[in-house]
Protein backbone atom coordinates (compact mmCIF):
# COMPACT_ATOMS: atom_id res chain seq x y z
CA MET A 1 12.50 0.62 -24.87
CA ALA A 2 10.97 -2.79 -24.47
CA HIS A 3 8.14 -3.99 -22.23
CA LEU A 4 9.48 -6.84 -20.10
CA LEU A 5 7.86 -9.32 -17.77
CA VAL A 6 9.83 -10.39 -14.70
CA VAL A 7 8.55 -13.36 -12.69
CA ALA A 8 10.40 -14.32 -9.53
CA PRO A 9 8.84 -15.55 -6.27
CA ALA A 10 11.58 -14.06 -4.08
CA PRO A 11 10.84 -10.36 -3.52
CA VAL A 12 14.50 -9.37 -3.20
CA LEU A 13 15.39 -10.99 -6.53
CA ARG A 14 12.25 -9.68 -8.24
CA ASN A 15 12.89 -6.11 -7.10
CA SER A 16 16.57 -6.30 -7.99
CA LEU A 17 15.77 -7.50 -11.52
CA ARG A 18 13.11 -4.83 -11.93
CA PHE A 19 15.50 -2.10 -10.77
CA ALA A 20 18.33 -3.22 -13.07
CA LEU A 21 16.09 -3.51 -16.12
CA GLU A 22 14.27 -0.23 -15.47
CA ALA A 23 17.66 1.47 -15.08
CA GLU A 24 18.33 0.42 -18.67
CA GLY A 25 15.14 2.14 -19.77
CA HIS A 26 12.83 -0.87 -20.04
CA ASP A 27 9.21 -0.84 -18.93
CA VAL A 28 8.94 -3.73 -16.45
CA THR A 29 5.92 -5.61 -15.13
CA ALA A 30 6.96 -7.77 -12.17
CA ALA A 31 5.06 -10.64 -10.58
CA ALA A 32 5.71 -13.19 -7.88
CA SER A 33 4.09 -16.01 -9.86
CA LEU A 34 2.94 -16.80 -13.37
CA HIS A 35 -0.63 -17.04 -12.05
CA GLN A 36 -0.55 -13.28 -11.44
CA VAL A 37 0.11 -12.56 -15.12
CA ASP A 38 -2.82 -12.02 -17.44
CA ARG A 39 -1.07 -13.05 -20.65
CA ALA A 40 -4.16 -12.40 -22.76
CA SER A 41 -4.37 -8.71 -21.90
CA LEU A 42 -0.65 -7.88 -21.70
CA SER A 43 1.97 -7.91 -24.43
CA PHE A 44 5.65 -8.37 -23.58
CA ASP A 45 8.75 -8.11 -25.74
CA CYS A 46 10.59 -10.56 -23.48
CA ALA A 47 10.03 -12.43 -20.22
CA VAL A 48 12.62 -13.02 -17.51
CA ILE A 49 11.47 -16.00 -15.46
CA ASP A 50 13.18 -17.45 -12.40
CA HIS A 51 13.14 -21.26 -12.26
CA HIS A 52 11.43 -21.16 -8.86
CA ALA A 53 8.37 -19.62 -10.53
CA LEU A 54 7.87 -22.93 -12.34
CA ASP A 55 8.19 -25.20 -9.30
CA GLU A 56 4.46 -25.90 -9.10
CA ALA A 57 4.02 -26.32 -12.87
CA GLY A 58 5.80 -29.68 -13.01
CA SER A 59 5.61 -31.32 -16.43
CA ASP A 60 3.77 -28.28 -17.87
CA SER A 61 6.81 -26.05 -17.33
CA GLY A 62 8.06 -26.29 -20.92
CA ARG A 63 4.63 -25.46 -22.31
CA ILE A 64 4.31 -22.52 -19.95
CA LEU A 65 7.68 -21.13 -21.01
CA ALA A 66 6.59 -21.38 -24.65
CA GLN A 67 3.62 -19.10 -23.87
CA PHE A 68 5.97 -16.29 -22.83
CA GLU A 69 8.56 -16.48 -25.63
CA PRO A 70 11.18 -15.22 -25.82
CA VAL A 71 12.19 -16.19 -22.29
CA VAL A 72 15.40 -15.43 -20.48
CA PHE A 73 15.41 -18.20 -17.90
CA LEU A 74 17.16 -17.69 -14.55
CA ALA A 75 18.53 -20.87 -13.03
CA ASN A 76 21.17 -22.06 -10.60
CA SER A 77 22.85 -24.07 -13.36
CA ALA A 78 23.15 -23.75 -17.14
CA ALA A 79 22.33 -27.47 -17.22
CA HIS A 80 18.86 -26.94 -15.73
CA PRO A 81 16.36 -29.34 -17.38
CA LEU A 82 14.30 -26.40 -18.69
CA ALA A 83 17.25 -24.52 -20.17
CA ALA A 84 16.50 -25.90 -23.64
CA SER A 85 12.94 -24.53 -23.43
CA SER A 86 14.10 -20.93 -23.15
CA PHE A 87 15.78 -18.47 -25.49
CA ARG A 88 18.74 -18.22 -23.14
CA THR A 89 19.56 -19.35 -19.62
CA VAL A 90 21.35 -16.98 -17.27
CA THR A 91 22.83 -18.49 -14.14
CA LYS A 92 22.26 -16.91 -10.76
CA PRO A 93 23.60 -14.82 -9.29
CA THR A 94 23.42 -12.62 -12.36
CA LEU A 95 26.71 -10.79 -12.57
CA GLY A 96 27.94 -8.18 -14.99
CA SER A 97 25.99 -7.71 -18.18
CA ALA A 98 24.76 -11.30 -18.59
CA LEU A 99 21.09 -10.45 -17.99
CA SER A 100 21.14 -7.28 -20.09
CA ASP A 101 22.91 -9.05 -22.94
CA ALA A 102 20.44 -11.93 -22.86
CA VAL A 103 17.41 -9.60 -22.87
CA ARG A 104 18.80 -7.55 -25.77
CA ALA A 105 19.54 -10.71 -27.77
CA ALA A 106 16.07 -12.13 -27.09
CA ILE A 107 14.38 -8.92 -28.21
CA ALA A 108 16.56 -8.69 -31.32
CA ALA A 109 15.79 -12.31 -32.24
CA ARG A 110 12.07 -11.70 -31.71
CA ASP A 111 12.15 -8.57 -33.87
CA ALA A 112 14.05 -10.42 -36.61
CA THR A 113 11.25 -12.96 -37.09
């Protein structure tokens, strides 16, 4: 399957996302912060990034999201200011197949280009 990046500061959320995505057969690299990710040496088919991982980035958040495209952005609200900077925004808590559907769509869109 695909190689995914999961970035979420909260360990419970990060581990839950990793477990769910690995259960679907994806290879997952998980990190607590974007600073822990060596983007130059790793290649990802899709990134799943929690909005709290961008708290310290401030006005650079949109640029940072662009570096990890396609991004499935996890936020408390679909109206989050950074929602437009991502491929798709999934609201937390992630219920049902919303996350899986968003990841599959992001990978398909990436592969289509």
